[in-house]
PDB file of N, CA and C in Angstrom:
ATOM      1  N   MET A   1     -12.806 -40.437  24.722  1.00  0.00           N
ATOM      2  CA  MET A   1     -11.415 -40.635  25.109  1.00  0.00           C
ATOM      3  C   MET A   1     -10.514 -39.829  24.251  1.00  0.00           C
ATOM      4  N   GLY A   2     -10.918 -38.775  23.703  1.00  0.00           N
ATOM      5  CA  GLY A   2     -10.024 -37.943  22.884  1.00  0.00           C
ATOM      6  C   GLY A   2      -9.645 -38.685  21.627  1.00  0.00           C
ATOM      7  N   SER A   3      -8.348 -38.639  21.309  1.00  0.00           N
ATOM      8  CA  SER A   3      -7.873 -39.203  20.044  1.00  0.00           C
ATOM      9  C   SER A   3      -7.491 -40.660  20.169  1.00  0.00           C
ATOM     10  N   ALA A   4      -7.684 -41.256  21.330  1.00  0.00           N
ATOM     11  CA  ALA A   4      -7.262 -42.693  21.522  1.00  0.00           C
ATOM     12  C   ALA A   4      -8.198 -43.601  20.709  1.00  0.00           C
ATOM     13  N   GLY A   5      -9.437 -43.247  20.552  1.00  0.00           N
ATOM     14  CA  GLY A   5     -10.374 -44.078  19.812  1.00  0.00           C
ATOM     15  C   GLY A   5     -10.940 -43.422  18.570  1.00  0.00           C
ATOM     16  N   ALA A   6     -10.154 -42.716  17.859  1.00  0.00           N
ATOM     17  CA  ALA A   6     -10.647 -42.006  16.656  1.00  0.00           C
ATOM     18  C   ALA A   6     -11.163 -43.034  15.620  1.00  0.00           C
ATOM     19  N   SER A   7     -12.190 -42.645  14.916  1.00  0.00           N
ATOM     20  CA  SER A   7     -12.848 -43.616  14.014  1.00  0.00           C
ATOM     21  C   SER A   7     -12.277 -43.520  12.593  1.00  0.00           C
ATOM     22  N   GLN A   8     -11.166 -42.892  12.422  1.00  0.00           N
ATOM     23  CA  GLN A   8     -10.583 -42.756  11.056  1.00  0.00           C
ATOM     24  C   GLN A   8      -9.325 -43.612  10.996  1.00  0.00           C
ATOM     25  N   GLY A   9      -9.186 -44.476  10.027  1.00  0.00           N
ATOM     26  CA  GLY A   9      -8.000 -45.257   9.879  1.00  0.00           C
ATOM     27  C   GLY A   9      -7.960 -46.547  10.674  1.00  0.00           C
ATOM     28  N   SER A  10      -7.760 -46.461  11.961  1.00  0.00           N
ATOM     29  CA  SER A  10      -7.569 -47.666  12.799  1.00  0.00           C
ATOM     30  C   SER A  10      -8.897 -48.186  13.337  1.00  0.00           C
ATOM     31  N   GLY A  11     -10.014 -47.596  13.015  1.00  0.00           N
ATOM     32  CA  GLY A  11     -11.276 -48.017  13.550  1.00  0.00           C
ATOM     33  C   GLY A  11     -11.533 -47.363  14.886  1.00  0.00           C
ATOM     34  N   SER A  12     -12.720 -47.510  15.400  1.00  0.00           N
ATOM     35  CA  SER A  12     -13.105 -46.836  16.645  1.00  0.00           C
ATOM     36  C   SER A  12     -12.860 -47.799  17.818  1.00  0.00           C
ATOM     37  N   ARG A  13     -11.638 -48.075  18.137  1.00  0.00           N
ATOM     38  CA  ARG A  13     -11.302 -48.892  19.243  1.00  0.00           C
ATOM     39  C   ARG A  13      -9.925 -48.474  19.795  1.00  0.00           C
ATOM     40  N   VAL A  14      -9.662 -48.942  21.015  1.00  0.00           N
ATOM     41  CA  VAL A  14      -8.363 -48.686  21.629  1.00  0.00           C
ATOM     42  C   VAL A  14      -7.552 -49.959  21.524  1.00  0.00           C
ATOM     43  N   HIS A  15      -6.373 -49.844  20.950  1.00  0.00           N
ATOM     44  CA  HIS A  15      -5.560 -51.025  20.697  1.00  0.00           C
ATOM     45  C   HIS A  15      -5.063 -51.665  21.986  1.00  0.00           C
ATOM     46  N   PRO A  16      -4.904 -52.963  22.068  1.00  0.00           N
ATOM     47  CA  PRO A  16      -4.379 -53.644  23.212  1.00  0.00           C
ATOM     48  C   PRO A  16      -2.972 -53.165  23.569  1.00  0.00           C
ATOM     49  N   GLY A  17      -2.698 -52.933  24.826  1.00  0.00           N
ATOM     50  CA  GLY A  17      -1.401 -52.477  25.267  1.00  0.00           C
ATOM     51  C   GLY A  17      -1.229 -50.931  25.226  1.00  0.00           C
ATOM     52  N   LYS A  18      -2.285 -50.230  24.806  1.00  0.00           N
ATOM     53  CA  LYS A  18      -2.203 -48.777  24.804  1.00  0.00           C
ATOM     54  C   LYS A  18      -1.989 -48.256  26.231  1.00  0.00           C
ATOM     55  N   ARG A  19      -0.937 -47.475  26.418  1.00  0.00           N
ATOM     56  CA  ARG A  19      -0.622 -46.948  27.732  1.00  0.00           C
ATOM     57  C   ARG A  19      -1.580 -45.831  28.084  1.00  0.00           C
ATOM     58  N   MET A  20      -2.331 -46.038  29.163  1.00  0.00           N
ATOM     59  CA  MET A  20      -3.349 -45.032  29.582  1.00  0.00           C
ATOM     60  C   MET A  20      -3.235 -44.902  31.100  1.00  0.00           C
ATOM     61  N   ALA A  21      -3.863 -43.892  31.585  1.00  0.00           N
ATOM     62  CA  ALA A  21      -3.875 -43.604  33.023  1.00  0.00           C
ATOM     63  C   ALA A  21      -4.728 -44.657  33.736  1.00  0.00           C
ATOM     64  N   GLY A  22      -4.446 -44.877  35.014  1.00  0.00           N
ATOM     65  CA  GLY A  22      -5.239 -45.825  35.766  1.00  0.00           C
ATOM     66  C   GLY A  22      -4.576 -46.040  37.117  1.00  0.00           C
ATOM     67  N   ARG A  23      -5.286 -46.794  37.951  1.00  0.00           N
ATOM     68  CA  ARG A  23      -4.797 -47.048  39.336  1.00  0.00           C
ATOM     69  C   ARG A  23      -3.972 -48.332  39.274  1.00  0.00           C
ATOM     70  N   MET A  24      -2.887 -48.341  40.075  1.00  0.00           N
ATOM     71  CA  MET A  24      -2.092 -49.545  40.142  1.00  0.00           C
ATOM     72  C   MET A  24      -1.449 -49.636  41.498  1.00  0.00           C
ATOM     73  N   GLY A  25      -1.553 -50.775  42.155  1.00  0.00           N
ATOM     74  CA  GLY A  25      -0.944 -50.957  43.453  1.00  0.00           C
ATOM     75  C   GLY A  25      -1.806 -50.355  44.565  1.00  0.00           C
ATOM     76  N   ASN A  26      -1.196 -50.214  45.729  1.00  0.00           N
ATOM     77  CA  ASN A  26      -1.784 -49.644  46.924  1.00  0.00           C
ATOM     78  C   ASN A  26      -3.082 -50.376  47.307  1.00  0.00           C
ATOM     79  N   HIS A  27      -3.025 -51.687  47.281  1.00  0.00           N
ATOM     80  CA  HIS A  27      -4.185 -52.448  47.756  1.00  0.00           C
ATOM     81  C   HIS A  27      -3.676 -53.640  48.536  1.00  0.00           C
ATOM     82  N   GLN A  28      -4.535 -54.136  49.422  1.00  0.00           N
ATOM     83  CA  GLN A  28      -4.164 -55.221  50.292  1.00  0.00           C
ATOM     84  C   GLN A  28      -4.244 -56.557  49.575  1.00  0.00           C
ATOM     85  N   VAL A  29      -3.235 -57.396  49.794  1.00  0.00           N
ATOM     86  CA  VAL A  29      -3.188 -58.718  49.186  1.00  0.00           C
ATOM     87  C   VAL A  29      -3.036 -59.739  50.323  1.00  0.00           C
ATOM     88  N   THR A  30      -3.862 -60.774  50.332  1.00  0.00           N
ATOM     89  CA  THR A  30      -3.790 -61.821  51.329  1.00  0.00           C
ATOM     90  C   THR A  30      -3.249 -63.091  50.648  1.00  0.00           C
ATOM     91  N   ILE A  31      -2.157 -63.611  51.253  1.00  0.00           N
ATOM     92  CA  ILE A  31      -1.576 -64.816  50.735  1.00  0.00           C
ATOM     93  C   ILE A  31      -1.656 -65.877  51.860  1.00  0.00           C
ATOM     94  N   GLN A  32      -2.221 -67.059  51.472  1.00  0.00           N
ATOM     95  CA  GLN A  32      -2.400 -68.115  52.464  1.00  0.00           C
ATOM     96  C   GLN A  32      -1.410 -69.244  52.255  1.00  0.00           C
ATOM     97  N   ASN A  33      -1.311 -70.060  53.291  1.00  0.00           N
ATOM     98  CA  ASN A  33      -0.417 -71.253  53.280  1.00  0.00           C
ATOM     99  C   ASN A  33       1.046 -70.898  53.106  1.00  0.00           C
ATOM    100  N   VAL A  34       1.473 -69.842  53.783  1.00  0.00           N
ATOM    101  CA  VAL A  34       2.864 -69.492  53.842  1.00  0.00           C
ATOM    102  C   VAL A  34       3.374 -69.840  55.220  1.00  0.00           C
ATOM    103  N   LYS A  35       4.387 -70.662  55.288  1.00  0.00           N
ATOM    104  CA  LYS A  35       4.884 -71.131  56.587  1.00  0.00           C
ATOM    105  C   LYS A  35       6.119 -70.339  57.024  1.00  0.00           C
ATOM    106  N   VAL A  36       6.189 -70.024  58.356  1.00  0.00           N
ATOM    107  CA  VAL A  36       7.343 -69.357  58.918  1.00  0.00           C
ATOM    108  C   VAL A  36       8.377 -70.417  59.239  1.00  0.00           C
ATOM    109  N   LEU A  37       9.511 -70.329  58.602  1.00  0.00           N
ATOM    110  CA  LEU A  37      10.593 -71.318  58.793  1.00  0.00           C
ATOM    111  C   LEU A  37      11.542 -70.945  59.916  1.00  0.00           C
ATOM    112  N   LYS A  38      11.881 -69.631  60.030  1.00  0.00           N
ATOM    113  CA  LYS A  38      12.820 -69.228  61.025  1.00  0.00           C
ATOM    114  C   LYS A  38      12.641 -67.729  61.339  1.00  0.00           C
ATOM    115  N   VAL A  39      12.871 -67.384  62.605  1.00  0.00           N
ATOM    116  CA  VAL A  39      12.762 -66.009  63.070  1.00  0.00           C
ATOM    117  C   VAL A  39      14.080 -65.614  63.711  1.00  0.00           C
ATOM    118  N   ASP A  40      14.699 -64.527  63.184  1.00  0.00           N
ATOM    119  CA  ASP A  40      15.936 -64.000  63.725  1.00  0.00           C
ATOM    120  C   ASP A  40      15.627 -62.679  64.361  1.00  0.00           C
ATOM    121  N   ALA A  41      15.419 -62.689  65.698  1.00  0.00           N
ATOM    122  CA  ALA A  41      15.024 -61.455  66.406  1.00  0.00           C
ATOM    123  C   ALA A  41      16.135 -60.420  66.431  1.00  0.00           C
ATOM    124  N   GLU A  42      17.394 -60.873  66.454  1.00  0.00           N
ATOM    125  CA  GLU A  42      18.483 -59.877  66.536  1.00  0.00           C
ATOM    126  C   GLU A  42      18.601 -59.047  65.260  1.00  0.00           C
ATOM    127  N   LYS A  43      18.427 -59.668  64.120  1.00  0.00           N
ATOM    128  CA  LYS A  43      18.487 -58.931  62.864  1.00  0.00           C
ATOM    129  C   LYS A  43      17.135 -58.405  62.367  1.00  0.00           C
ATOM    130  N   GLY A  44      16.072 -58.850  63.039  1.00  0.00           N
ATOM    131  CA  GLY A  44      14.722 -58.429  62.630  1.00  0.00           C
ATOM    132  C   GLY A  44      14.299 -59.085  61.343  1.00  0.00           C
ATOM    133  N   LEU A  45      14.630 -60.343  61.153  1.00  0.00           N
ATOM    134  CA  LEU A  45      14.305 -61.083  59.922  1.00  0.00           C
ATOM    135  C   LEU A  45      13.334 -62.222  60.188  1.00  0.00           C
ATOM    136  N   VAL A  46      12.474 -62.484  59.219  1.00  0.00           N
ATOM    137  CA  VAL A  46      11.550 -63.669  59.277  1.00  0.00           C
ATOM    138  C   VAL A  46      11.776 -64.405  57.966  1.00  0.00           C
ATOM    139  N   LEU A  47      12.094 -65.706  58.043  1.00  0.00           N
ATOM    140  CA  LEU A  47      12.274 -66.520  56.862  1.00  0.00           C
ATOM    141  C   LEU A  47      10.988 -67.262  56.595  1.00  0.00           C
ATOM    142  N   LEU A  48      10.398 -67.052  55.408  1.00  0.00           N
ATOM    143  CA  LEU A  48       9.125 -67.655  55.054  1.00  0.00           C
ATOM    144  C   LEU A  48       9.301 -68.635  53.895  1.00  0.00           C
ATOM    145  N   ASN A  49       8.408 -69.645  53.864  1.00  0.00           N
ATOM    146  CA  ASN A  49       8.381 -70.604  52.751  1.00  0.00           C
ATOM    147  C   ASN A  49       7.308 -70.192  51.782  1.00  0.00           C
ATOM    148  N   GLY A  50       7.685 -69.502  50.713  1.00  0.00           N
ATOM    149  CA  GLY A  50       6.714 -69.010  49.748  1.00  0.00           C
ATOM    150  C   GLY A  50       7.053 -67.596  49.352  1.00  0.00           C
ATOM    151  N   CYS A  51       6.286 -67.070  48.432  1.00  0.00           N
ATOM    152  CA  CYS A  51       6.537 -65.726  47.918  1.00  0.00           C
ATOM    153  C   CYS A  51       5.567 -64.730  48.556  1.00  0.00           C
ATOM    154  N   ILE A  52       6.038 -63.477  48.685  1.00  0.00           N
ATOM    155  CA  ILE A  52       5.231 -62.426  49.240  1.00  0.00           C
ATOM    156  C   ILE A  52       5.128 -61.310  48.205  1.00  0.00           C
ATOM    157  N   ALA A  53       3.904 -60.777  48.056  1.00  0.00           N
ATOM    158  CA  ALA A  53       3.678 -59.703  47.119  1.00  0.00           C
ATOM    159  C   ALA A  53       4.256 -58.383  47.606  1.00  0.00           C
ATOM    160  N   GLY A  54       4.779 -57.594  46.712  1.00  0.00           N
ATOM    161  CA  GLY A  54       5.255 -56.270  47.063  1.00  0.00           C
ATOM    162  C   GLY A  54       6.744 -56.096  46.779  1.00  0.00           C
ATOM    163  N   PRO A  55       7.199 -54.846  46.794  1.00  0.00           N
ATOM    164  CA  PRO A  55       8.585 -54.569  46.551  1.00  0.00           C
ATOM    165  C   PRO A  55       9.492 -54.919  47.714  1.00  0.00           C
ATOM    166  N   ASP A  56      10.790 -54.925  47.520  1.00  0.00           N
ATOM    167  CA  ASP A  56      11.742 -55.109  48.577  1.00  0.00           C
ATOM    168  C   ASP A  56      11.653 -53.989  49.630  1.00  0.00           C
ATOM    169  N   GLY A  57      11.666 -54.389  50.903  1.00  0.00           N
ATOM    170  CA  GLY A  57      11.630 -53.422  51.968  1.00  0.00           C
ATOM    171  C   GLY A  57      10.241 -52.931  52.341  1.00  0.00           C
ATOM    172  N   CYS A  58       9.190 -53.549  51.782  1.00  0.00           N
ATOM    173  CA  CYS A  58       7.818 -53.078  52.125  1.00  0.00           C
ATOM    174  C   CYS A  58       7.394 -53.724  53.455  1.00  0.00           C
ATOM    175  N   VAL A  59       6.343 -53.122  54.045  1.00  0.00           N
ATOM    176  CA  VAL A  59       5.814 -53.616  55.338  1.00  0.00           C
ATOM    177  C   VAL A  59       4.863 -54.807  55.037  1.00  0.00           C
ATOM    178  N   VAL A  60       5.096 -55.879  55.835  1.00  0.00           N
ATOM    179  CA  VAL A  60       4.305 -57.090  55.668  1.00  0.00           C
ATOM    180  C   VAL A  60       3.669 -57.431  57.021  1.00  0.00           C
ATOM    181  N   LYS A  61       2.347 -57.685  57.018  1.00  0.00           N
ATOM    182  CA  LYS A  61       1.653 -58.054  58.201  1.00  0.00           C
ATOM    183  C   LYS A  61       1.506 -59.570  58.202  1.00  0.00           C
ATOM    184  N   ILE A  62       1.997 -60.235  59.267  1.00  0.00           N
ATOM    185  CA  ILE A  62       1.941 -61.667  59.386  1.00  0.00           C
ATOM    186  C   ILE A  62       1.017 -62.024  60.537  1.00  0.00           C
ATOM    187  N   GLN A  63       0.055 -62.904  60.282  1.00  0.00           N
ATOM    188  CA  GLN A  63      -0.900 -63.288  61.342  1.00  0.00           C
ATOM    189  C   GLN A  63      -1.250 -64.756  61.156  1.00  0.00           C
ATOM    190  N   ASP A  64      -1.754 -65.405  62.212  1.00  0.00           N
ATOM    191  CA  ASP A  64      -2.173 -66.762  62.121  1.00  0.00           C
ATOM    192  C   ASP A  64      -3.380 -66.938  61.233  1.00  0.00           C
ATOM    193  N   ALA A  65      -3.467 -68.086  60.611  1.00  0.00           N
ATOM    194  CA  ALA A  65      -4.582 -68.374  59.728  1.00  0.00           C
ATOM    195  C   ALA A  65      -5.754 -68.903  60.545  1.00  0.00           C
ATOM    196  N   ILE A  66      -6.574 -68.006  61.070  1.00  0.00           N
ATOM    197  CA  ILE A  66      -7.768 -68.365  61.847  1.00  0.00           C
ATOM    198  C   ILE A  66      -8.938 -68.304  60.928  1.00  0.00           C
ATOM    199  N   LYS A  67      -9.559 -69.433  60.672  1.00  0.00           N
ATOM    200  CA  LYS A  67     -10.673 -69.495  59.770  1.00  0.00           C
ATOM    201  C   LYS A  67     -11.915 -69.959  60.470  1.00  0.00           C
ATOM    202  N   LYS A  68     -13.095 -69.559  59.967  1.00  0.00           N
ATOM    203  CA  LYS A  68     -14.324 -69.970  60.512  1.00  0.00           C
ATOM    204  C   LYS A  68     -14.584 -71.435  60.152  1.00  0.00           C
ATOM    205  N   PRO A  69     -15.219 -72.181  61.062  1.00  0.00           N
ATOM    206  CA  PRO A  69     -15.536 -73.580  60.703  1.00  0.00           C
ATOM    207  C   PRO A  69     -16.649 -73.650  59.653  1.00  0.00           C
ATOM    208  N   TRP A  70     -16.646 -74.701  58.913  1.00  0.00           N
ATOM    209  CA  TRP A  70     -17.709 -74.865  57.875  1.00  0.00           C
ATOM    210  C   TRP A  70     -19.051 -74.991  58.531  1.00  0.00           C
ATOM    211  N   PRO A  71     -20.127 -74.455  57.965  1.00  0.00           N
ATOM    212  CA  PRO A  71     -21.468 -74.591  58.575  1.00  0.00           C
ATOM    213  C   PRO A  71     -21.895 -76.060  58.503  1.00  0.00           C
ATOM    214  N   LYS A  72     -22.725 -76.477  59.476  1.00  0.00           N
ATOM    215  CA  LYS A  72     -23.274 -77.816  59.504  1.00  0.00           C
ATOM    216  C   LYS A  72     -24.323 -77.922  58.380  1.00  0.00           C
ATOM    217  N   VAL A  73     -24.211 -78.961  57.567  1.00  0.00           N
ATOM    218  CA  VAL A  73     -25.165 -79.180  56.496  1.00  0.00           C
ATOM    219  C   VAL A  73     -26.348 -79.938  57.085  1.00  0.00           C
ATOM    220  N   PRO A  74     -27.563 -79.390  56.876  1.00  0.00           N
ATOM    221  CA  PRO A  74     -28.739 -80.064  57.439  1.00  0.00           C
ATOM    222  C   PRO A  74     -29.027 -81.379  56.705  1.00  0.00           C
ATOM    223  N   SER A  75     -29.595 -82.311  57.398  1.00  0.00           N
ATOM    224  CA  SER A  75     -29.889 -83.600  56.801  1.00  0.00           C
ATOM    225  C   SER A  75     -31.062 -83.438  55.792  1.00  0.00           C
ATOM    226  N   ILE A  76     -31.086 -84.346  54.859  1.00  0.00           N
ATOM    227  CA  ILE A  76     -32.130 -84.214  53.792  1.00  0.00           C
ATOM    228  C   ILE A  76     -33.338 -85.021  54.264  1.00  0.00           C
ATOM    229  N   PRO A  77     -34.563 -84.617  54.222  1.00  0.00           N
ATOM    230  CA  PRO A  77     -35.001 -83.331  53.716  1.00  0.00           C
ATOM    231  C   PRO A  77     -34.811 -82.244  54.788  1.00  0.00           C
ATOM    232  N   ALA A  78     -34.369 -81.072  54.368  1.00  0.00           N
ATOM    233  CA  ALA A  78     -34.047 -80.008  55.224  1.00  0.00           C
ATOM    234  C   ALA A  78     -35.252 -79.293  55.745  1.00  0.00           C
ATOM    235  N   PHE A  79     -36.395 -79.372  55.032  1.00  0.00           N
ATOM    236  CA  PHE A  79     -37.584 -78.645  55.452  1.00  0.00           C
ATOM    237  C   PHE A  79     -38.368 -79.350  56.531  1.00  0.00           C
ATOM    238  N   GLY A  80     -38.036 -80.587  56.870  1.00  0.00           N
ATOM    239  CA  GLY A  80     -38.610 -81.262  57.993  1.00  0.00           C
ATOM    240  C   GLY A  80     -39.874 -82.080  57.743  1.00  0.00           C
ATOM    241  N   GLY A  81     -40.363 -82.146  56.544  1.00  0.00           N
ATOM    242  CA  GLY A  81     -41.540 -82.952  56.268  1.00  0.00           C
ATOM    243  C   GLY A  81     -41.868 -83.013  54.781  1.00  0.00           C
ATOM    244  N   ARG A  82     -43.012 -83.582  54.509  1.00  0.00           N
ATOM    245  CA  ARG A  82     -43.405 -83.685  53.110  1.00  0.00           C
ATOM    246  C   ARG A  82     -44.229 -82.463  52.736  1.00  0.00           C
ATOM    247  N   SER A  83     -44.234 -82.156  51.437  1.00  0.00           N
ATOM    248  CA  SER A  83     -45.003 -81.022  50.971  1.00  0.00           C
ATOM    249  C   SER A  83     -46.369 -81.416  50.502  1.00  0.00           C
TER     250      SER A  83
END
């Protein structure tokens, strides 16, 4: 890593909080249990109960919370007989 982890003086480590290059943002975030309180079609506004990730004016996709049902748990013993 160049001079960021030099082994003279500060030891061979990178100090916490060191500003370095990396990826940030541009990923999808799913937030559950957010309720739609009001829709104003004339102004193009949707009033939600809860917080939404992202900056002001960003595009938000709103969809119903359709979840898969829990699988049926087999009765015990599940293998059907004695071993």
